[in-house]
Amino acid sequence: MKKRRAYSRFAKEAGMLLGKEIQYERKIKNWSEQNLAERAGISRTTLQKIEAGDMTVALGLVFETAAVLGIPLFVEEDPSLTKSIRQTSEKLALLPKRIRSKNRKVKDDF
């Protein structure tokens, strides 16, 4: 039996918005579903799921489809995201390399 995943309303709406943006850009470019699917390296059925905001489609496929259409996902002025990746990596470098459990047993038998 397949387990169903629950998504927040925000996540569902974000998936739907991105799907509609992809559909809009495809239609503006006068590309058929089959044409875009071939360019993105996916099936036409997968593209239809993406455009419908289906949350079961792999995130990489959605991002690749948006990239083929030239849709900026995070930063409009720098579509390569290089600066954002570097800044996030710098913030991560400041954090501890390993997270330790704080469930240490207290020795209170004197």
PDB file of N, CA and C in Angstrom:
ATOM      1  N   MET A   1       0.839  -1.189   0.000  1.00  0.00           N
ATOM      2  CA  MET A   1       0.000   0.000   0.000  1.00  0.00           C
ATOM      3  C   MET A   1       0.882   1.250   0.000  1.00  0.00           C
ATOM      4  N   LYS A   2       0.588   2.158  -0.878  1.00  0.00           N
ATOM      5  CA  LYS A   2       1.375   3.371  -1.007  1.00  0.00           C
ATOM      6  C   LYS A   2       1.006   4.364   0.097  1.00  0.00           C
ATOM      7  N   LYS A   3       2.031   4.875   0.767  1.00  0.00           N
ATOM      8  CA  LYS A   3       1.817   5.830   1.845  1.00  0.00           C
ATOM      9  C   LYS A   3       1.633   7.233   1.269  1.00  0.00           C
ATOM     10  N   ARG A   4       0.592   7.912   1.690  1.00  0.00           N
ATOM     11  CA  ARG A   4       0.321   9.271   1.222  1.00  0.00           C
ATOM     12  C   ARG A   4       1.013  10.270   2.139  1.00  0.00           C
ATOM     13  N   ARG A   5       1.626  11.242   1.546  1.00  0.00           N
ATOM     14  CA  ARG A   5       2.340  12.283   2.282  1.00  0.00           C
ATOM     15  C   ARG A   5       1.444  13.484   2.430  1.00  0.00           C
ATOM     16  N   ALA A   6       1.423  14.064   3.621  1.00  0.00           N
ATOM     17  CA  ALA A   6       0.640  15.287   3.860  1.00  0.00           C
ATOM     18  C   ALA A   6       1.544  16.500   3.643  1.00  0.00           C
ATOM     19  N   TYR A   7       1.048  17.477   2.920  1.00  0.00           N
ATOM     20  CA  TYR A   7       1.797  18.708   2.654  1.00  0.00           C
ATOM     21  C   TYR A   7       1.046  19.886   3.246  1.00  0.00           C
ATOM     22  N   SER A   8       1.806  20.887   3.677  1.00  0.00           N
ATOM     23  CA  SER A   8       1.188  22.095   4.208  1.00  0.00           C
ATOM     24  C   SER A   8       0.491  22.845   3.077  1.00  0.00           C
ATOM     25  N   ARG A   9      -0.407  23.701   3.450  1.00  0.00           N
ATOM     26  CA  ARG A   9      -1.130  24.511   2.455  1.00  0.00           C
ATOM     27  C   ARG A   9      -0.155  25.377   1.666  1.00  0.00           C
ATOM     28  N   PHE A  10       0.822  25.935   2.359  1.00  0.00           N
ATOM     29  CA  PHE A  10       1.822  26.780   1.695  1.00  0.00           C
ATOM     30  C   PHE A  10       2.592  25.977   0.645  1.00  0.00           C
ATOM     31  N   ALA A  11       3.023  24.758   0.988  1.00  0.00           N
ATOM     32  CA  ALA A  11       3.777  23.932   0.050  1.00  0.00           C
ATOM     33  C   ALA A  11       2.932  23.591  -1.171  1.00  0.00           C
ATOM     34  N   LYS A  12       1.672  23.244  -0.944  1.00  0.00           N
ATOM     35  CA  LYS A  12       0.776  22.931  -2.055  1.00  0.00           C
ATOM     36  C   LYS A  12       0.593  24.137  -2.969  1.00  0.00           C
ATOM     37  N   GLU A  13       0.406  25.308  -2.368  1.00  0.00           N
ATOM     38  CA  GLU A  13       0.212  26.518  -3.169  1.00  0.00           C
ATOM     39  C   GLU A  13       1.485  26.886  -3.924  1.00  0.00           C
ATOM     40  N   ALA A  14       2.648  26.671  -3.309  1.00  0.00           N
ATOM     41  CA  ALA A  14       3.914  26.961  -3.981  1.00  0.00           C
ATOM     42  C   ALA A  14       4.101  26.035  -5.181  1.00  0.00           C
ATOM     43  N   GLY A  15       3.764  24.756  -5.020  1.00  0.00           N
ATOM     44  CA  GLY A  15       3.841  23.811  -6.129  1.00  0.00           C
ATOM     45  C   GLY A  15       2.895  24.185  -7.257  1.00  0.00           C
ATOM     46  N   MET A  16       1.705  24.591  -6.877  1.00  0.00           N
ATOM     47  CA  MET A  16       0.704  25.001  -7.871  1.00  0.00           C
ATOM     48  C   MET A  16       1.172  26.263  -8.615  1.00  0.00           C
ATOM     49  N   LEU A  17       1.703  27.235  -7.881  1.00  0.00           N
ATOM     50  CA  LEU A  17       2.190  28.468  -8.503  1.00  0.00           C
ATOM     51  C   LEU A  17       3.319  28.187  -9.484  1.00  0.00           C
ATOM     52  N   LEU A  18       4.283  27.376  -9.070  1.00  0.00           N
ATOM     53  CA  LEU A  18       5.390  27.069  -9.970  1.00  0.00           C
ATOM     54  C   LEU A  18       4.891  26.321 -11.205  1.00  0.00           C
ATOM     55  N   GLY A  19       3.950  25.420 -11.020  1.00  0.00           N
ATOM     56  CA  GLY A  19       3.369  24.702 -12.157  1.00  0.00           C
ATOM     57  C   GLY A  19       2.692  25.629 -13.133  1.00  0.00           C
ATOM     58  N   LYS A  20       1.950  26.598 -12.596  1.00  0.00           N
ATOM     59  CA  LYS A  20       1.265  27.564 -13.468  1.00  0.00           C
ATOM     60  C   LYS A  20       2.259  28.480 -14.169  1.00  0.00           C
ATOM     61  N   GLU A  21       3.348  28.840 -13.479  1.00  0.00           N
ATOM     62  CA  GLU A  21       4.393  29.667 -14.115  1.00  0.00           C
ATOM     63  C   GLU A  21       5.028  28.907 -15.282  1.00  0.00           C
ATOM     64  N   ILE A  22       5.286  27.626 -15.069  1.00  0.00           N
ATOM     65  CA  ILE A  22       5.862  26.801 -16.130  1.00  0.00           C
ATOM     66  C   ILE A  22       4.899  26.705 -17.308  1.00  0.00           C
ATOM     67  N   GLN A  23       3.634  26.476 -17.020  1.00  0.00           N
ATOM     68  CA  GLN A  23       2.623  26.388 -18.079  1.00  0.00           C
ATOM     69  C   GLN A  23       2.524  27.714 -18.844  1.00  0.00           C
ATOM     70  N   TYR A  24       2.534  28.819 -18.128  1.00  0.00           N
ATOM     71  CA  TYR A  24       2.443  30.143 -18.745  1.00  0.00           C
ATOM     72  C   TYR A  24       3.627  30.392 -19.678  1.00  0.00           C
ATOM     73  N   GLU A  25       4.848  30.136 -19.181  1.00  0.00           N
ATOM     74  CA  GLU A  25       6.040  30.365 -20.012  1.00  0.00           C
ATOM     75  C   GLU A  25       6.047  29.461 -21.238  1.00  0.00           C
ATOM     76  N   ARG A  26       5.603  28.224 -21.071  1.00  0.00           N
ATOM     77  CA  ARG A  26       5.528  27.299 -22.203  1.00  0.00           C
ATOM     78  C   ARG A  26       4.589  27.837 -23.276  1.00  0.00           C
ATOM     79  N   LYS A  27       3.439  28.329 -22.848  1.00  0.00           N
ATOM     80  CA  LYS A  27       2.457  28.837 -23.807  1.00  0.00           C
ATOM     81  C   LYS A  27       2.918  30.141 -24.457  1.00  0.00           C
ATOM     82  N   ILE A  28       3.591  31.000 -23.687  1.00  0.00           N
ATOM     83  CA  ILE A  28       4.132  32.255 -24.252  1.00  0.00           C
ATOM     84  C   ILE A  28       5.142  31.936 -25.348  1.00  0.00           C
ATOM     85  N   LYS A  29       5.942  30.897 -25.166  1.00  0.00           N
ATOM     86  CA  LYS A  29       6.939  30.506 -26.159  1.00  0.00           C
ATOM     87  C   LYS A  29       6.331  29.670 -27.290  1.00  0.00           C
ATOM     88  N   ASN A  30       5.026  29.400 -27.222  1.00  0.00           N
ATOM     89  CA  ASN A  30       4.328  28.581 -28.217  1.00  0.00           C
ATOM     90  C   ASN A  30       4.940  27.187 -28.353  1.00  0.00           C
ATOM     91  N   TRP A  31       5.336  26.611 -27.224  1.00  0.00           N
ATOM     92  CA  TRP A  31       5.863  25.256 -27.214  1.00  0.00           C
ATOM     93  C   TRP A  31       4.749  24.292 -26.838  1.00  0.00           C
ATOM     94  N   SER A  32       4.702  23.169 -27.496  1.00  0.00           N
ATOM     95  CA  SER A  32       3.736  22.134 -27.126  1.00  0.00           C
ATOM     96  C   SER A  32       4.242  21.423 -25.862  1.00  0.00           C
ATOM     97  N   GLU A  33       3.355  20.687 -25.222  1.00  0.00           N
ATOM     98  CA  GLU A  33       3.765  19.902 -24.057  1.00  0.00           C
ATOM     99  C   GLU A  33       4.872  18.930 -24.443  1.00  0.00           C
ATOM    100  N   GLN A  34       4.710  18.286 -25.588  1.00  0.00           N
ATOM    101  CA  GLN A  34       5.698  17.303 -26.045  1.00  0.00           C
ATOM    102  C   GLN A  34       7.045  17.965 -26.303  1.00  0.00           C
ATOM    103  N   ASN A  35       7.036  19.147 -26.912  1.00  0.00           N
ATOM    104  CA  ASN A  35       8.269  19.869 -27.200  1.00  0.00           C
ATOM    105  C   ASN A  35       9.025  20.188 -25.914  1.00  0.00           C
ATOM    106  N   LEU A  36       8.346  20.754 -24.925  1.00  0.00           N
ATOM    107  CA  LEU A  36       9.001  21.093 -23.660  1.00  0.00           C
ATOM    108  C   LEU A  36       9.467  19.831 -22.934  1.00  0.00           C
ATOM    109  N   ALA A  37       8.648  18.799 -22.946  1.00  0.00           N
ATOM    110  CA  ALA A  37       9.021  17.550 -22.279  1.00  0.00           C
ATOM    111  C   ALA A  37      10.312  16.991 -22.865  1.00  0.00           C
ATOM    112  N   GLU A  38      10.443  17.016 -24.182  1.00  0.00           N
ATOM    113  CA  GLU A  38      11.661  16.528 -24.831  1.00  0.00           C
ATOM    114  C   GLU A  38      12.862  17.392 -24.465  1.00  0.00           C
ATOM    115  N   ARG A  39      12.681  18.701 -24.444  1.00  0.00           N
ATOM    116  CA  ARG A  39      13.781  19.608 -24.087  1.00  0.00           C
ATOM    117  C   ARG A  39      14.231  19.416 -22.641  1.00  0.00           C
ATOM    118  N   ALA A  40      13.285  19.113 -21.753  1.00  0.00           N
ATOM    119  CA  ALA A  40      13.605  18.927 -20.338  1.00  0.00           C
ATOM    120  C   ALA A  40      14.025  17.491 -20.023  1.00  0.00           C
ATOM    121  N   GLY A  41      13.848  16.593 -20.977  1.00  0.00           N
ATOM    122  CA  GLY A  41      14.237  15.208 -20.766  1.00  0.00           C
ATOM    123  C   GLY A  41      13.273  14.435 -19.876  1.00  0.00           C
ATOM    124  N   ILE A  42      11.994  14.777 -19.975  1.00  0.00           N
ATOM    125  CA  ILE A  42      10.964  14.111 -19.177  1.00  0.00           C
ATOM    126  C   ILE A  42       9.834  13.655 -20.096  1.00  0.00           C
ATOM    127  N   SER A  43       8.908  12.893 -19.542  1.00  0.00           N
ATOM    128  CA  SER A  43       7.758  12.471 -20.346  1.00  0.00           C
ATOM    129  C   SER A  43       6.694  13.566 -20.347  1.00  0.00           C
ATOM    130  N   ARG A  44       5.813  13.482 -21.309  1.00  0.00           N
ATOM    131  CA  ARG A  44       4.707  14.454 -21.398  1.00  0.00           C
ATOM    132  C   ARG A  44       3.805  14.337 -20.172  1.00  0.00           C
ATOM    133  N   THR A  45       3.599  13.126 -19.685  1.00  0.00           N
ATOM    134  CA  THR A  45       2.775  12.908 -18.495  1.00  0.00           C
ATOM    135  C   THR A  45       3.386  13.592 -17.278  1.00  0.00           C
ATOM    136  N   THR A  46       4.712  13.505 -17.141  1.00  0.00           N
ATOM    137  CA  THR A  46       5.385  14.170 -16.026  1.00  0.00           C
ATOM    138  C   THR A  46       5.229  15.676 -16.125  1.00  0.00           C
ATOM    139  N   LEU A  47       5.344  16.215 -17.333  1.00  0.00           N
ATOM    140  CA  LEU A  47       5.140  17.654 -17.527  1.00  0.00           C
ATOM    141  C   LEU A  47       3.731  18.061 -17.123  1.00  0.00           C
ATOM    142  N   GLN A  48       2.751  17.261 -17.492  1.00  0.00           N
ATOM    143  CA  GLN A  48       1.373  17.570 -17.114  1.00  0.00           C
ATOM    144  C   GLN A  48       1.214  17.576 -15.594  1.00  0.00           C
ATOM    145  N   LYS A  49       1.880  16.661 -14.918  1.00  0.00           N
ATOM    146  CA  LYS A  49       1.841  16.640 -13.447  1.00  0.00           C
ATOM    147  C   LYS A  49       2.496  17.886 -12.868  1.00  0.00           C
ATOM    148  N   ILE A  50       3.625  18.297 -13.452  1.00  0.00           N
ATOM    149  CA  ILE A  50       4.323  19.502 -12.990  1.00  0.00           C
ATOM    150  C   ILE A  50       3.408  20.714 -13.145  1.00  0.00           C
ATOM    151  N   GLU A  51       2.802  20.864 -14.304  1.00  0.00           N
ATOM    152  CA  GLU A  51       1.937  22.008 -14.564  1.00  0.00           C
ATOM    153  C   GLU A  51       0.691  22.002 -13.688  1.00  0.00           C
ATOM    154  N   ALA A  52       0.280  20.824 -13.223  1.00  0.00           N
ATOM    155  CA  ALA A  52      -0.881  20.720 -12.333  1.00  0.00           C
ATOM    156  C   ALA A  52      -0.499  20.937 -10.867  1.00  0.00           C
ATOM    157  N   GLY A  53       0.796  21.075 -10.603  1.00  0.00           N
ATOM    158  CA  GLY A  53       1.243  21.296  -9.227  1.00  0.00           C
ATOM    159  C   GLY A  53       1.298  20.022  -8.409  1.00  0.00           C
ATOM    160  N   ASP A  54       1.409  18.873  -9.067  1.00  0.00           N
ATOM    161  CA  ASP A  54       1.478  17.581  -8.385  1.00  0.00           C
ATOM    162  C   ASP A  54       2.749  17.522  -7.530  1.00  0.00           C
ATOM    163  N   MET A  55       2.573  17.262  -6.235  1.00  0.00           N
ATOM    164  CA  MET A  55       3.689  17.277  -5.294  1.00  0.00           C
ATOM    165  C   MET A  55       4.525  15.998  -5.324  1.00  0.00           C
ATOM    166  N   THR A  56       4.125  15.004  -6.107  1.00  0.00           N
ATOM    167  CA  THR A  56       4.875  13.750  -6.146  1.00  0.00           C
ATOM    168  C   THR A  56       5.987  13.756  -7.184  1.00  0.00           C
ATOM    169  N   VAL A  57       6.063  14.771  -8.011  1.00  0.00           N
ATOM    170  CA  VAL A  57       7.106  14.860  -9.031  1.00  0.00           C
ATOM    171  C   VAL A  57       8.423  15.255  -8.357  1.00  0.00           C
ATOM    172  N   ALA A  58       9.500  14.626  -8.777  1.00  0.00           N
ATOM    173  CA  ALA A  58      10.822  14.913  -8.211  1.00  0.00           C
ATOM    174  C   ALA A  58      11.172  16.394  -8.387  1.00  0.00           C
ATOM    175  N   LEU A  59      11.702  16.973  -7.341  1.00  0.00           N
ATOM    176  CA  LEU A  59      12.037  18.395  -7.332  1.00  0.00           C
ATOM    177  C   LEU A  59      13.026  18.754  -8.439  1.00  0.00           C
ATOM    178  N   GLY A  60      13.984  17.879  -8.696  1.00  0.00           N
ATOM    179  CA  GLY A  60      14.966  18.137  -9.747  1.00  0.00           C
ATOM    180  C   GLY A  60      14.331  18.268 -11.122  1.00  0.00           C
ATOM    181  N   LEU A  61      13.304  17.472 -11.365  1.00  0.00           N
ATOM    182  CA  LEU A  61      12.619  17.548 -12.658  1.00  0.00           C
ATOM    183  C   LEU A  61      11.869  18.869 -12.805  1.00  0.00           C
ATOM    184  N   VAL A  62      11.268  19.320 -11.724  1.00  0.00           N
ATOM    185  CA  VAL A  62      10.545  20.604 -11.747  1.00  0.00           C
ATOM    186  C   VAL A  62      11.534  21.743 -11.978  1.00  0.00           C
ATOM    187  N   PHE A  63      12.666  21.724 -11.246  1.00  0.00           N
ATOM    188  CA  PHE A  63      13.671  22.775 -11.399  1.00  0.00           C
ATOM    189  C   PHE A  63      14.259  22.772 -12.810  1.00  0.00           C
ATOM    190  N   GLU A  64      14.526  21.597 -13.358  1.00  0.00           N
ATOM    191  CA  GLU A  64      15.094  21.517 -14.703  1.00  0.00           C
ATOM    192  C   GLU A  64      14.120  22.062 -15.738  1.00  0.00           C
ATOM    193  N   THR A  65      12.852  21.744 -15.575  1.00  0.00           N
ATOM    194  CA  THR A  65      11.834  22.249 -16.501  1.00  0.00           C
ATOM    195  C   THR A  65      11.756  23.773 -16.432  1.00  0.00           C
ATOM    196  N   ALA A  66      11.802  24.318 -15.217  1.00  0.00           N
ATOM    197  CA  ALA A  66      11.784  25.771 -15.058  1.00  0.00           C
ATOM    198  C   ALA A  66      13.036  26.393 -15.682  1.00  0.00           C
ATOM    199  N   ALA A  67      14.176  25.733 -15.519  1.00  0.00           N
ATOM    200  CA  ALA A  67      15.431  26.256 -16.077  1.00  0.00           C
ATOM    201  C   ALA A  67      15.393  26.262 -17.603  1.00  0.00           C
ATOM    202  N   VAL A  68      14.831  25.222 -18.207  1.00  0.00           N
ATOM    203  CA  VAL A  68      14.723  25.162 -19.671  1.00  0.00           C
ATOM    204  C   VAL A  68      13.913  26.341 -20.191  1.00  0.00           C
ATOM    205  N   LEU A  69      12.891  26.731 -19.429  1.00  0.00           N
ATOM    206  CA  LEU A  69      12.043  27.854 -19.831  1.00  0.00           C
ATOM    207  C   LEU A  69      12.639  29.209 -19.445  1.00  0.00           C
ATOM    208  N   GLY A  70      13.684  29.204 -18.620  1.00  0.00           N
ATOM    209  CA  GLY A  70      14.303  30.462 -18.184  1.00  0.00           C
ATOM    210  C   GLY A  70      13.571  31.124 -17.035  1.00  0.00           C
ATOM    211  N   ILE A  71      12.854  30.343 -16.238  1.00  0.00           N
ATOM    212  CA  ILE A  71      12.116  30.892 -15.096  1.00  0.00           C
ATOM    213  C   ILE A  71      13.069  31.029 -13.914  1.00  0.00           C
ATOM    214  N   PRO A  72      13.265  32.250 -13.397  1.00  0.00           N
ATOM    215  CA  PRO A  72      14.122  32.419 -12.220  1.00  0.00           C
ATOM    216  C   PRO A  72      13.417  31.879 -10.974  1.00  0.00           C
ATOM    217  N   LEU A  73      14.116  31.063 -10.204  1.00  0.00           N
ATOM    218  CA  LEU A  73      13.477  30.436  -9.055  1.00  0.00           C
ATOM    219  C   LEU A  73      13.716  31.174  -7.747  1.00  0.00           C
ATOM    220  N   PHE A  74      14.914  31.687  -7.523  1.00  0.00           N
ATOM    221  CA  PHE A  74      15.214  32.300  -6.237  1.00  0.00           C
ATOM    222  C   PHE A  74      15.650  33.749  -6.350  1.00  0.00           C
ATOM    223  N   VAL A  75      16.594  34.014  -7.232  1.00  0.00           N
ATOM    224  CA  VAL A  75      17.152  35.357  -7.346  1.00  0.00           C
ATOM    225  C   VAL A  75      17.088  35.782  -8.805  1.00  0.00           C
ATOM    226  N   GLU A  76      16.334  36.820  -9.072  1.00  0.00           N
ATOM    227  CA  GLU A  76      16.150  37.228 -10.467  1.00  0.00           C
ATOM    228  C   GLU A  76      17.413  37.798 -11.105  1.00  0.00           C
ATOM    229  N   GLU A  77      18.233  38.513 -10.334  1.00  0.00           N
ATOM    230  CA  GLU A  77      19.386  39.151 -10.952  1.00  0.00           C
ATOM    231  C   GLU A  77      20.552  38.192 -11.164  1.00  0.00           C
ATOM    232  N   ASP A  78      20.566  37.037 -10.492  1.00  0.00           N
ATOM    233  CA  ASP A  78      21.647  36.080 -10.656  1.00  0.00           C
ATOM    234  C   ASP A  78      21.068  34.678 -10.780  1.00  0.00           C
ATOM    235  N   PRO A  79      20.694  34.262 -11.995  1.00  0.00           N
ATOM    236  CA  PRO A  79      20.050  32.963 -12.150  1.00  0.00           C
ATOM    237  C   PRO A  79      20.955  31.780 -11.815  1.00  0.00           C
ATOM    238  N   SER A  80      22.268  31.991 -11.716  1.00  0.00           N
ATOM    239  CA  SER A  80      23.166  30.876 -11.423  1.00  0.00           C
ATOM    240  C   SER A  80      23.172  30.514  -9.943  1.00  0.00           C
ATOM    241  N   LEU A  81      22.673  31.394  -9.088  1.00  0.00           N
ATOM    242  CA  LEU A  81      22.595  31.171  -7.641  1.00  0.00           C
ATOM    243  C   LEU A  81      23.959  31.048  -6.969  1.00  0.00           C
ATOM    244  N   THR A  82      25.037  31.333  -7.673  1.00  0.00           N
ATOM    245  CA  THR A  82      26.376  31.165  -7.130  1.00  0.00           C
ATOM    246  C   THR A  82      26.582  31.974  -5.859  1.00  0.00           C
ATOM    247  N   LYS A  83      26.150  33.220  -5.860  1.00  0.00           N
ATOM    248  CA  LYS A  83      26.336  34.080  -4.698  1.00  0.00           C
ATOM    249  C   LYS A  83      25.554  33.549  -3.492  1.00  0.00           C
ATOM    250  N   SER A  84      24.317  33.139  -3.709  1.00  0.00           N
ATOM    251  CA  SER A  84      23.500  32.612  -2.612  1.00  0.00           C
ATOM    252  C   SER A  84      24.077  31.319  -2.059  1.00  0.00           C
ATOM    253  N   ILE A  85      24.585  30.463  -2.925  1.00  0.00           N
ATOM    254  CA  ILE A  85      25.202  29.214  -2.468  1.00  0.00           C
ATOM    255  C   ILE A  85      26.430  29.523  -1.630  1.00  0.00           C
ATOM    256  N   ARG A  86      27.244  30.467  -2.068  1.00  0.00           N
ATOM    257  CA  ARG A  86      28.453  30.832  -1.321  1.00  0.00           C
ATOM    258  C   ARG A  86      28.092  31.414   0.043  1.00  0.00           C
ATOM    259  N   GLN A  87      27.096  32.297   0.093  1.00  0.00           N
ATOM    260  CA  GLN A  87      26.692  32.893   1.364  1.00  0.00           C
ATOM    261  C   GLN A  87      26.156  31.846   2.326  1.00  0.00           C
ATOM    262  N   THR A  88      25.356  30.925   1.842  1.00  0.00           N
ATOM    263  CA  THR A  88      24.813  29.870   2.697  1.00  0.00           C
ATOM    264  C   THR A  88      25.935  28.944   3.169  1.00  0.00           C
ATOM    265  N   SER A  89      26.888  28.647   2.293  1.00  0.00           N
ATOM    266  CA  SER A  89      28.033  27.808   2.684  1.00  0.00           C
ATOM    267  C   SER A  89      28.855  28.484   3.763  1.00  0.00           C
ATOM    268  N   GLU A  90      29.019  29.805   3.664  1.00  0.00           N
ATOM    269  CA  GLU A  90      29.763  30.544   4.682  1.00  0.00           C
ATOM    270  C   GLU A  90      29.044  30.505   6.023  1.00  0.00           C
ATOM    271  N   LYS A  91      27.716  30.603   6.002  1.00  0.00           N
ATOM    272  CA  LYS A  91      26.943  30.514   7.248  1.00  0.00           C
ATOM    273  C   LYS A  91      27.046  29.107   7.842  1.00  0.00           C
ATOM    274  N   LEU A  92      26.990  28.099   6.989  1.00  0.00           N
ATOM    275  CA  LEU A  92      27.102  26.721   7.465  1.00  0.00           C
ATOM    276  C   LEU A  92      28.479  26.453   8.076  1.00  0.00           C
ATOM    277  N   ALA A  93      29.522  27.114   7.544  1.00  0.00           N
ATOM    278  CA  ALA A  93      30.876  26.922   8.058  1.00  0.00           C
ATOM    279  C   ALA A  93      31.003  27.420   9.495  1.00  0.00           C
ATOM    280  N   LEU A  94      30.164  28.338   9.899  1.00  0.00           N
ATOM    281  CA  LEU A  94      30.206  28.870  11.252  1.00  0.00           C
ATOM    282  C   LEU A  94      29.548  27.943  12.275  1.00  0.00           C
ATOM    283  N   LEU A  95      28.758  27.004  11.805  1.00  0.00           N
ATOM    284  CA  LEU A  95      28.060  26.084  12.694  1.00  0.00           C
ATOM    285  C   LEU A  95      28.950  24.887  13.012  1.00  0.00           C
ATOM    286  N   PRO A  96      28.642  24.179  14.090  1.00  0.00           N
ATOM    287  CA  PRO A  96      29.432  22.982  14.403  1.00  0.00           C
ATOM    288  C   PRO A  96      29.339  21.957  13.280  1.00  0.00           C
ATOM    289  N   LYS A  97      30.425  21.209  13.084  1.00  0.00           N
ATOM    290  CA  LYS A  97      30.443  20.206  12.024  1.00  0.00           C
ATOM    291  C   LYS A  97      29.551  19.023  12.350  1.00  0.00           C
ATOM    292  N   ARG A  98      29.366  18.764  13.642  1.00  0.00           N
ATOM    293  CA  ARG A  98      28.585  17.609  14.047  1.00  0.00           C
ATOM    294  C   ARG A  98      27.603  18.009  15.129  1.00  0.00           C
ATOM    295  N   ILE A  99      26.428  17.477  15.059  1.00  0.00           N
ATOM    296  CA  ILE A  99      25.410  17.728  16.071  1.00  0.00           C
ATOM    297  C   ILE A  99      25.436  16.551  17.035  1.00  0.00           C
ATOM    298  N   ARG A 100      25.641  16.860  18.306  1.00  0.00           N
ATOM    299  CA  ARG A 100      25.702  15.802  19.309  1.00  0.00           C
ATOM    300  C   ARG A 100      24.422  15.758  20.110  1.00  0.00           C
ATOM    301  N   SER A 101      24.071  14.575  20.493  1.00  0.00           N
ATOM    302  CA  SER A 101      22.898  14.380  21.333  1.00  0.00           C
ATOM    303  C   SER A 101      23.197  14.893  22.731  1.00  0.00           C
ATOM    304  N   LYS A 102      22.225  15.551  23.352  1.00  0.00           N
ATOM    305  CA  LYS A 102      22.406  16.091  24.704  1.00  0.00           C
ATOM    306  C   LYS A 102      21.819  15.161  25.757  1.00  0.00           C
ATOM    307  N   ASN A 103      21.632  13.906  25.402  1.00  0.00           N
ATOM    308  CA  ASN A 103      21.059  12.940  26.323  1.00  0.00           C
ATOM    309  C   ASN A 103      22.154  12.218  27.104  1.00  0.00           C
ATOM    310  N   ARG A 104      23.003  12.956  27.753  1.00  0.00           N
ATOM    311  CA  ARG A 104      24.066  12.357  28.541  1.00  0.00           C
ATOM    312  C   ARG A 104      23.539  12.002  29.926  1.00  0.00           C
ATOM    313  N   LYS A 105      23.959  10.870  30.384  1.00  0.00           N
ATOM    314  CA  LYS A 105      23.512  10.393  31.682  1.00  0.00           C
ATOM    315  C   LYS A 105      24.299  11.114  32.776  1.00  0.00           C
ATOM    316  N   VAL A 106      23.590  11.632  33.745  1.00  0.00           N
ATOM    317  CA  VAL A 106      24.226  12.360  34.846  1.00  0.00           C
ATOM    318  C   VAL A 106      24.665  11.353  35.899  1.00  0.00           C
ATOM    319  N   LYS A 107      25.918  11.497  36.335  1.00  0.00           N
ATOM    320  CA  LYS A 107      26.418  10.630  37.410  1.00  0.00           C
ATOM    321  C   LYS A 107      26.177  11.323  38.737  1.00  0.00           C
ATOM    322  N   ASP A 108      25.177  10.886  39.442  1.00  0.00           N
ATOM    323  CA  ASP A 108      24.821  11.509  40.713  1.00  0.00           C
ATOM    324  C   ASP A 108      24.916  10.547  41.898  1.00  0.00           C
ATOM    325  N   ASP A 109      25.697   9.485  41.756  1.00  0.00           N
ATOM    326  CA  ASP A 109      25.870   8.559  42.864  1.00  0.00           C
ATOM    327  C   ASP A 109      27.214   8.802  43.542  1.00  0.00           C
ATOM    328  N   PHE A 110      27.197   9.621  44.560  1.00  0.00           N
ATOM    329  CA  PHE A 110      28.426  10.027  45.256  1.00  0.00           C
ATOM    330  C   PHE A 110      28.794   9.036  46.313  1.00  0.00           C
TER     331      PHE A 110
END
